[in-house]
Amino acid sequence: QSGGYDLNLFTSPPDCNFLCSICHGVLKRPVRLPCSHIFCKKCIVRWLARQKTCPCCRKEVKWKRMVHVNKLRKVIGRLEVKCKNAEAGCSVTCPLAHRKGHQDSCPLEPMACPNEGCSAQVPRRALAEHGQHCQHSAQQRCPMGCGATLGPAERADHNCYRELREAWGLRQERSRALLSRLRRCVRRVHRATNLIRRQLAQLADFLEEDHAQLEGAPEEEEPEAAPEGSSGAGVS
């Protein structure tokens, strides 16, 4: 496997001075030999396990003379790279040194299902939804859509169609009972309305009779007043 970074990882082609002569990738953890040639640490370690000379100039190399080039490593860390999930649709770019931080939060990063026995790899943003339907989940929703959350033991005996029929039957019974109570209330209101209507009719008849009696009664005559100057006594 290559010890350096893949060239396709970078948003623009890196400078040729940043390339490893062994793997032809961008230097990862660069080290410098006494001859001043620089390689990826992983690449040169593998090379020196077979031969003890520099791959470029063939000068003899001693392990203790290798030096880490931290300044160059920091420069390479500032190069702009694409997300490793770019092919899956992630458009984020960031410095190479921050790539791991983005990967830890990328919504398209493949994640292993946490349920024991499940080998599925799903994007981070879909992990919660996968957990609701995973066959290895301790708790999951009924796949038939009844809304029930079931454990492993319940799933074996679960029949959402039967439960839906039972729930529908109970709802129908409640609806029929409610309708029956409403009908009784309507009948009581109807009886009370008829009674009030009859009482109002009787009251109207009574008022008409009383009014007629008042109109037919004779008026009392007032007594005539005596002429002025007359007295009740006879003239003597």
C-alpha atoms as a PDB file:
ATOM      1  CA  GLN A   1       0.000   0.000   0.000  1.00  0.00           C
ATOM      2  CA  SER A   2       1.126   3.563  -0.723  1.00  0.00           C
ATOM      3  CA  GLY A   3       2.689   5.386   2.184  1.00  0.00           C
ATOM      4  CA  GLY A   4       1.737   8.854   0.919  1.00  0.00           C
ATOM      5  CA  TYR A   5      -1.515  10.700   0.260  1.00  0.00           C
ATOM      6  CA  ASP A   6      -3.367   9.981  -2.975  1.00  0.00           C
ATOM      7  CA  LEU A   7      -3.051  12.844  -5.486  1.00  0.00           C
ATOM      8  CA  ASN A   8      -6.803  12.683  -6.214  1.00  0.00           C
ATOM      9  CA  LEU A   9      -7.440  13.718  -2.626  1.00  0.00           C
ATOM     10  CA  PHE A  10      -6.295  17.301  -3.278  1.00  0.00           C
ATOM     11  CA  THR A  11      -8.442  20.014  -4.850  1.00  0.00           C
ATOM     12  CA  SER A  12      -5.518  21.121  -7.076  1.00  0.00           C
ATOM     13  CA  PRO A  13      -2.315  19.244  -8.126  1.00  0.00           C
ATOM     14  CA  PRO A  14       0.342  19.555  -5.364  1.00  0.00           C
ATOM     15  CA  ASP A  15       3.825  20.900  -6.033  1.00  0.00           C
ATOM     16  CA  CYS A  16       6.254  18.242  -7.272  1.00  0.00           C
ATOM     17  CA  ASN A  17       8.519  18.963  -4.289  1.00  0.00           C
ATOM     18  CA  PHE A  18       5.804  17.513  -2.062  1.00  0.00           C
ATOM     19  CA  LEU A  19       5.865  14.106  -3.783  1.00  0.00           C
ATOM     20  CA  CYS A  20       7.523  10.933  -2.528  1.00  0.00           C
ATOM     21  CA  SER A  21       9.913   9.319  -5.065  1.00  0.00           C
ATOM     22  CA  ILE A  22       8.923   5.832  -3.904  1.00  0.00           C
ATOM     23  CA  CYS A  23       5.086   5.890  -3.881  1.00  0.00           C
ATOM     24  CA  HIS A  24       4.652   9.029  -6.031  1.00  0.00           C
ATOM     25  CA  GLY A  25       2.032  10.268  -3.578  1.00  0.00           C
ATOM     26  CA  VAL A  26       2.107  13.413  -1.427  1.00  0.00           C
ATOM     27  CA  LEU A  27       4.545  13.015   1.464  1.00  0.00           C
ATOM     28  CA  LYS A  28       3.037  11.645   4.666  1.00  0.00           C
ATOM     29  CA  ARG A  29       5.171  12.044   7.808  1.00  0.00           C
ATOM     30  CA  PRO A  30       8.186  13.104   5.683  1.00  0.00           C
ATOM     31  CA  VAL A  31      11.683  12.132   6.765  1.00  0.00           C
ATOM     32  CA  ARG A  32      15.023  13.321   5.313  1.00  0.00           C
ATOM     33  CA  LEU A  33      18.049  11.090   4.772  1.00  0.00           C
ATOM     34  CA  PRO A  34      21.629  12.322   5.252  1.00  0.00           C
ATOM     35  CA  CYS A  35      21.802  12.707   1.475  1.00  0.00           C
ATOM     36  CA  SER A  36      18.967  15.310   1.731  1.00  0.00           C
ATOM     37  CA  HIS A  37      16.410  13.208  -0.157  1.00  0.00           C
ATOM     38  CA  ILE A  38      12.955  13.198   1.462  1.00  0.00           C
ATOM     39  CA  PHE A  39      10.460  10.312   1.524  1.00  0.00           C
ATOM     40  CA  CYS A  40       7.328   9.176   3.361  1.00  0.00           C
ATOM     41  CA  LYS A  41       8.428   7.498   6.571  1.00  0.00           C
ATOM     42  CA  LYS A  42       6.422   4.354   5.789  1.00  0.00           C
ATOM     43  CA  CYS A  43       7.878   4.124   2.270  1.00  0.00           C
ATOM     44  CA  ILE A  44      11.527   4.517   3.255  1.00  0.00           C
ATOM     45  CA  VAL A  45      11.217   2.096   6.188  1.00  0.00           C
ATOM     46  CA  ARG A  46       9.907  -0.594   3.806  1.00  0.00           C
ATOM     47  CA  TRP A  47      12.645   0.228   1.310  1.00  0.00           C
ATOM     48  CA  LEU A  48      15.453   0.031   3.866  1.00  0.00           C
ATOM     49  CA  ALA A  49      14.123  -3.306   5.097  1.00  0.00           C
ATOM     50  CA  ARG A  50      15.257  -4.694   1.719  1.00  0.00           C
ATOM     51  CA  GLN A  51      18.236  -2.454   0.892  1.00  0.00           C
ATOM     52  CA  LYS A  52      20.391  -0.081   2.910  1.00  0.00           C
ATOM     53  CA  THR A  53      20.796   2.606   0.240  1.00  0.00           C
ATOM     54  CA  CYS A  54      18.893   5.757  -0.769  1.00  0.00           C
ATOM     55  CA  PRO A  55      16.380   5.011  -3.570  1.00  0.00           C
ATOM     56  CA  CYS A  56      17.507   8.147  -5.448  1.00  0.00           C
ATOM     57  CA  CYS A  57      21.299   8.412  -5.116  1.00  0.00           C
ATOM     58  CA  ARG A  58      22.112   4.897  -3.860  1.00  0.00           C
ATOM     59  CA  LYS A  59      24.209   6.204  -1.003  1.00  0.00           C
ATOM     60  CA  GLU A  60      24.333   4.015   2.069  1.00  0.00           C
ATOM     61  CA  VAL A  61      21.797   4.953   4.749  1.00  0.00           C
ATOM     62  CA  LYS A  62      21.870   4.407   8.483  1.00  0.00           C
ATOM     63  CA  TRP A  63      18.553   4.319  10.361  1.00  0.00           C
ATOM     64  CA  LYS A  64      19.696   6.663  13.092  1.00  0.00           C
ATOM     65  CA  ARG A  65      20.521   9.390  10.576  1.00  0.00           C
ATOM     66  CA  MET A  66      16.890   9.875   9.387  1.00  0.00           C
ATOM     67  CA  VAL A  67      15.269  13.180  10.463  1.00  0.00           C
ATOM     68  CA  HIS A  68      11.572  14.094  10.598  1.00  0.00           C
ATOM     69  CA  VAL A  69      10.834  17.192   8.507  1.00  0.00           C
ATOM     70  CA  ASN A  70       8.092  18.760  10.647  1.00  0.00           C
ATOM     71  CA  LYS A  71       8.157  22.133   8.864  1.00  0.00           C
ATOM     72  CA  LEU A  72       7.394  20.464   5.530  1.00  0.00           C
ATOM     73  CA  ARG A  73       4.733  18.359   7.224  1.00  0.00           C
ATOM     74  CA  LYS A  74       2.960  21.528   8.413  1.00  0.00           C
ATOM     75  CA  VAL A  75       3.119  23.072   4.932  1.00  0.00           C
ATOM     76  CA  ILE A  76       1.543  19.960   3.413  1.00  0.00           C
ATOM     77  CA  GLY A  77      -1.076  20.016   6.197  1.00  0.00           C
ATOM     78  CA  ARG A  78      -2.318  23.378   4.890  1.00  0.00           C
ATOM     79  CA  LEU A  79      -3.026  22.044   1.377  1.00  0.00           C
ATOM     80  CA  GLU A  80      -6.729  22.028   0.495  1.00  0.00           C
ATOM     81  CA  VAL A  81      -8.254  18.562   0.176  1.00  0.00           C
ATOM     82  CA  LYS A  82     -11.661  17.074  -0.618  1.00  0.00           C
ATOM     83  CA  CYS A  83     -13.730  15.027   1.797  1.00  0.00           C
ATOM     84  CA  LYS A  84     -13.070  11.296   1.495  1.00  0.00           C
ATOM     85  CA  ASN A  85     -16.807  10.957   0.843  1.00  0.00           C
ATOM     86  CA  ALA A  86     -16.751  13.333  -2.127  1.00  0.00           C
ATOM     87  CA  GLU A  87     -17.885  10.562  -4.498  1.00  0.00           C
ATOM     88  CA  ALA A  88     -20.884   9.941  -2.225  1.00  0.00           C
ATOM     89  CA  GLY A  89     -21.911  13.587  -2.588  1.00  0.00           C
ATOM     90  CA  CYS A  90     -20.026  15.556   0.103  1.00  0.00           C
ATOM     91  CA  SER A  91     -18.784  18.851  -1.362  1.00  0.00           C
ATOM     92  CA  VAL A  92     -16.820  20.041   1.689  1.00  0.00           C
ATOM     93  CA  THR A  93     -13.148  20.985   1.262  1.00  0.00           C
ATOM     94  CA  CYS A  94     -10.721  21.758   4.078  1.00  0.00           C
ATOM     95  CA  PRO A  95      -6.987  21.801   4.920  1.00  0.00           C
ATOM     96  CA  LEU A  96      -5.402  18.362   5.046  1.00  0.00           C
ATOM     97  CA  ALA A  97      -4.689  18.791   8.766  1.00  0.00           C
ATOM     98  CA  HIS A  98      -8.432  19.290   9.443  1.00  0.00           C
ATOM     99  CA  ARG A  99      -9.645  16.427   7.264  1.00  0.00           C
ATOM    100  CA  LYS A 100      -9.983  14.002  10.179  1.00  0.00           C
ATOM    101  CA  GLY A 101     -12.077  16.503  12.135  1.00  0.00           C
ATOM    102  CA  HIS A 102     -14.512  16.874   9.229  1.00  0.00           C
ATOM    103  CA  GLN A 103     -14.628  13.127   8.721  1.00  0.00           C
ATOM    104  CA  ASP A 104     -15.760  12.688  12.348  1.00  0.00           C
ATOM    105  CA  SER A 105     -18.849  14.810  11.631  1.00  0.00           C
ATOM    106  CA  CYS A 106     -19.469  14.256   7.898  1.00  0.00           C
ATOM    107  CA  PRO A 107     -23.126  13.189   7.389  1.00  0.00           C
ATOM    108  CA  LEU A 108     -22.044  10.886   4.535  1.00  0.00           C
ATOM    109  CA  GLU A 109     -19.324   9.067   6.474  1.00  0.00           C
ATOM    110  CA  PRO A 110     -20.072   5.296   6.451  1.00  0.00           C
ATOM    111  CA  MET A 111     -20.939   4.076   9.941  1.00  0.00           C
ATOM    112  CA  ALA A 112     -21.250   0.553  11.234  1.00  0.00           C
ATOM    113  CA  CYS A 113     -24.623  -0.362  12.698  1.00  0.00           C
ATOM    114  CA  PRO A 114     -24.181  -0.571  16.501  1.00  0.00           C
ATOM    115  CA  ASN A 115     -26.553  -3.545  16.825  1.00  0.00           C
ATOM    116  CA  GLU A 116     -24.788  -6.805  17.529  1.00  0.00           C
ATOM    117  CA  GLY A 117     -24.950  -9.162  14.571  1.00  0.00           C
ATOM    118  CA  CYS A 118     -25.624  -6.443  11.964  1.00  0.00           C
ATOM    119  CA  SER A 119     -22.812  -5.858   9.456  1.00  0.00           C
ATOM    120  CA  ALA A 120     -24.500  -2.963   7.607  1.00  0.00           C
ATOM    121  CA  GLN A 121     -22.524   0.184   6.796  1.00  0.00           C
ATOM    122  CA  VAL A 122     -24.795   3.236   6.421  1.00  0.00           C
ATOM    123  CA  PRO A 123     -24.151   7.011   6.126  1.00  0.00           C
ATOM    124  CA  ARG A 124     -24.037   8.805   9.466  1.00  0.00           C
ATOM    125  CA  ARG A 125     -27.183  10.822   8.628  1.00  0.00           C
ATOM    126  CA  ALA A 126     -29.152   7.600   7.974  1.00  0.00           C
ATOM    127  CA  LEU A 127     -27.921   5.669  11.005  1.00  0.00           C
ATOM    128  CA  ALA A 128     -30.890   6.577  13.233  1.00  0.00           C
ATOM    129  CA  GLU A 129     -33.427   5.576  10.594  1.00  0.00           C
ATOM    130  CA  HIS A 130     -31.559   2.324   9.966  1.00  0.00           C
ATOM    131  CA  GLY A 131     -31.682   1.568  13.686  1.00  0.00           C
ATOM    132  CA  GLN A 132     -35.485   1.742  13.650  1.00  0.00           C
ATOM    133  CA  HIS A 133     -35.732  -1.007  11.029  1.00  0.00           C
ATOM    134  CA  CYS A 134     -32.610  -3.068  11.747  1.00  0.00           C
ATOM    135  CA  GLN A 135     -33.483  -6.715  12.253  1.00  0.00           C
ATOM    136  CA  HIS A 136     -30.834  -6.949  14.983  1.00  0.00           C
ATOM    137  CA  SER A 137     -32.150  -3.998  16.989  1.00  0.00           C
ATOM    138  CA  ALA A 138     -33.371  -4.588  20.527  1.00  0.00           C
ATOM    139  CA  GLN A 139     -36.303  -2.278  19.860  1.00  0.00           C
ATOM    140  CA  GLN A 140     -37.694  -1.475  16.398  1.00  0.00           C
ATOM    141  CA  ARG A 141     -40.890  -0.278  14.783  1.00  0.00           C
ATOM    142  CA  CYS A 142     -43.266  -2.722  13.122  1.00  0.00           C
ATOM    143  CA  PRO A 143     -42.220  -3.012   9.449  1.00  0.00           C
ATOM    144  CA  MET A 144     -45.892  -3.173   8.392  1.00  0.00           C
ATOM    145  CA  GLY A 145     -46.445   0.389   9.573  1.00  0.00           C
ATOM    146  CA  CYS A 146     -48.800  -0.083  12.515  1.00  0.00           C
ATOM    147  CA  GLY A 147     -46.537   2.143  14.650  1.00  0.00           C
ATOM    148  CA  ALA A 148     -45.788  -0.414  17.374  1.00  0.00           C
ATOM    149  CA  THR A 149     -42.271  -0.580  18.886  1.00  0.00           C
ATOM    150  CA  LEU A 150     -41.306  -4.211  19.387  1.00  0.00           C
ATOM    151  CA  GLY A 151     -38.556  -6.153  21.087  1.00  0.00           C
ATOM    152  CA  PRO A 152     -37.068  -9.379  19.694  1.00  0.00           C
ATOM    153  CA  ALA A 153     -39.494 -11.589  21.630  1.00  0.00           C
ATOM    154  CA  GLU A 154     -42.545  -9.501  20.661  1.00  0.00           C
ATOM    155  CA  ARG A 155     -41.694  -9.468  16.954  1.00  0.00           C
ATOM    156  CA  ALA A 156     -42.190 -13.240  16.638  1.00  0.00           C
ATOM    157  CA  ASP A 157     -45.835 -13.067  17.814  1.00  0.00           C
ATOM    158  CA  HIS A 158     -46.710  -9.628  16.518  1.00  0.00           C
ATOM    159  CA  ASN A 159     -49.580  -9.475  14.042  1.00  0.00           C
ATOM    160  CA  CYS A 160     -50.253  -5.845  13.283  1.00  0.00           C
ATOM    161  CA  TYR A 161     -53.240  -6.686  11.052  1.00  0.00           C
ATOM    162  CA  ARG A 162     -54.938  -8.500  13.918  1.00  0.00           C
ATOM    163  CA  GLU A 163     -54.114  -5.691  16.323  1.00  0.00           C
ATOM    164  CA  LEU A 164     -55.322  -3.089  13.858  1.00  0.00           C
ATOM    165  CA  ARG A 165     -58.605  -4.974  13.439  1.00  0.00           C
ATOM    166  CA  GLU A 166     -59.035  -5.166  17.208  1.00  0.00           C
ATOM    167  CA  ALA A 167     -58.240  -1.478  17.595  1.00  0.00           C
ATOM    168  CA  TRP A 168     -60.659  -0.637  14.796  1.00  0.00           C
ATOM    169  CA  GLY A 169     -63.357  -2.755  16.445  1.00  0.00           C
ATOM    170  CA  LEU A 170     -62.886  -0.951  19.774  1.00  0.00           C
ATOM    171  CA  ARG A 171     -63.061   2.406  18.009  1.00  0.00           C
ATOM    172  CA  GLN A 172     -66.291   1.390  16.254  1.00  0.00           C
ATOM    173  CA  GLU A 173     -67.804   0.316  19.586  1.00  0.00           C
ATOM    174  CA  ARG A 174     -66.897   3.648  21.141  1.00  0.00           C
ATOM    175  CA  SER A 175     -68.349   5.463  18.123  1.00  0.00           C
ATOM    176  CA  ARG A 176     -71.615   3.507  18.338  1.00  0.00           C
ATOM    177  CA  ALA A 177     -71.873   4.200  22.081  1.00  0.00           C
ATOM    178  CA  LEU A 178     -71.239   7.904  21.484  1.00  0.00           C
ATOM    179  CA  LEU A 179     -73.830   7.988  18.704  1.00  0.00           C
ATOM    180  CA  SER A 180     -76.391   6.275  20.961  1.00  0.00           C
ATOM    181  CA  ARG A 181     -75.809   8.877  23.705  1.00  0.00           C
ATOM    182  CA  LEU A 182     -76.181  11.683  21.189  1.00  0.00           C
ATOM    183  CA  ARG A 183     -79.490  10.245  19.946  1.00  0.00           C
ATOM    184  CA  ARG A 184     -80.819  10.033  23.513  1.00  0.00           C
ATOM    185  CA  CYS A 185     -79.814  13.634  24.105  1.00  0.00           C
ATOM    186  CA  VAL A 186     -81.531  14.714  20.888  1.00  0.00           C
ATOM    187  CA  ARG A 187     -84.743  12.891  21.895  1.00  0.00           C
ATOM    188  CA  ARG A 188     -84.699  14.581  25.326  1.00  0.00           C
ATOM    189  CA  VAL A 189     -84.182  17.965  23.727  1.00  0.00           C
ATOM    190  CA  HIS A 190     -87.016  17.231  21.258  1.00  0.00           C
ATOM    191  CA  ARG A 191     -89.411  16.265  24.066  1.00  0.00           C
ATOM    192  CA  ALA A 192     -88.488  19.343  26.075  1.00  0.00           C
ATOM    193  CA  THR A 193     -89.007  21.534  22.985  1.00  0.00           C
ATOM    194  CA  ASN A 194     -92.479  20.046  22.341  1.00  0.00           C
ATOM    195  CA  LEU A 195     -93.445  20.561  25.981  1.00  0.00           C
ATOM    196  CA  ILE A 196     -92.323  24.193  25.886  1.00  0.00           C
ATOM    197  CA  ARG A 197     -94.217  24.686  22.614  1.00  0.00           C
ATOM    198  CA  ARG A 198     -97.444  23.283  24.132  1.00  0.00           C
ATOM    199  CA  GLN A 199     -97.065  25.400  27.257  1.00  0.00           C
ATOM    200  CA  LEU A 200     -96.538  28.510  25.130  1.00  0.00           C
ATOM    201  CA  ALA A 201     -99.671  27.665  23.101  1.00  0.00           C
ATOM    202  CA  GLN A 202    -101.711  27.235  26.308  1.00  0.00           C
ATOM    203  CA  LEU A 203    -100.367  30.512  27.648  1.00  0.00           C
ATOM    204  CA  ALA A 204    -101.315  32.252  24.399  1.00  0.00           C
ATOM    205  CA  ASP A 205    -104.876  30.825  24.584  1.00  0.00           C
ATOM    206  CA  PHE A 206    -105.196  31.931  28.180  1.00  0.00           C
ATOM    207  CA  LEU A 207    -104.048  35.445  27.371  1.00  0.00           C
ATOM    208  CA  GLU A 208    -106.501  35.702  24.454  1.00  0.00           C
ATOM    209  CA  GLU A 209    -109.445  34.586  26.650  1.00  0.00           C
ATOM    210  CA  ASP A 210    -108.515  37.023  29.389  1.00  0.00           C
ATOM    211  CA  HIS A 211    -108.216  39.847  26.850  1.00  0.00           C
ATOM    212  CA  ALA A 212    -111.657  39.016  25.406  1.00  0.00           C
ATOM    213  CA  GLN A 213    -113.278  39.043  28.852  1.00  0.00           C
ATOM    214  CA  LEU A 214    -111.801  42.433  29.581  1.00  0.00           C
ATOM    215  CA  GLU A 215    -113.149  43.879  26.323  1.00  0.00           C
ATOM    216  CA  GLY A 216    -116.731  42.448  26.868  1.00  0.00           C
ATOM    217  CA  ALA A 217    -117.242  43.708  30.442  1.00  0.00           C
ATOM    218  CA  PRO A 218    -119.884  46.746  30.738  1.00  0.00           C
ATOM    219  CA  GLU A 219    -118.551  50.075  31.881  1.00  0.00           C
ATOM    220  CA  GLU A 220    -119.950  51.440  35.278  1.00  0.00           C
ATOM    221  CA  GLU A 221    -122.053  54.700  35.029  1.00  0.00           C
ATOM    222  CA  GLU A 222    -120.885  57.598  37.133  1.00  0.00           C
ATOM    223  CA  PRO A 223    -123.626  59.308  39.392  1.00  0.00           C
ATOM    224  CA  GLU A 224    -124.948  62.730  38.181  1.00  0.00           C
ATOM    225  CA  ALA A 225    -123.682  65.714  40.111  1.00  0.00           C
ATOM    226  CA  ALA A 226    -126.324  67.896  42.007  1.00  0.00           C
ATOM    227  CA  PRO A 227    -126.915  71.461  40.674  1.00  0.00           C
ATOM    228  CA  GLU A 228    -125.129  74.207  42.484  1.00  0.00           C
ATOM    229  CA  GLY A 229    -127.193  76.068  45.131  1.00  0.00           C
ATOM    230  CA  SER A 230    -129.707  73.340  45.706  1.00  0.00           C
ATOM    231  CA  SER A 231    -130.000  71.579  49.041  1.00  0.00           C
ATOM    232  CA  GLY A 232    -131.566  68.351  50.068  1.00  0.00           C
ATOM    233  CA  ALA A 233    -134.055  70.087  52.479  1.00  0.00           C
ATOM    234  CA  GLY A 234    -137.661  71.070  51.404  1.00  0.00           C
ATOM    235  CA  VAL A 235    -138.761  74.731  51.228  1.00  0.00           C
ATOM    236  CA  SER A 236    -140.850  75.725  54.258  1.00  0.00           C
END
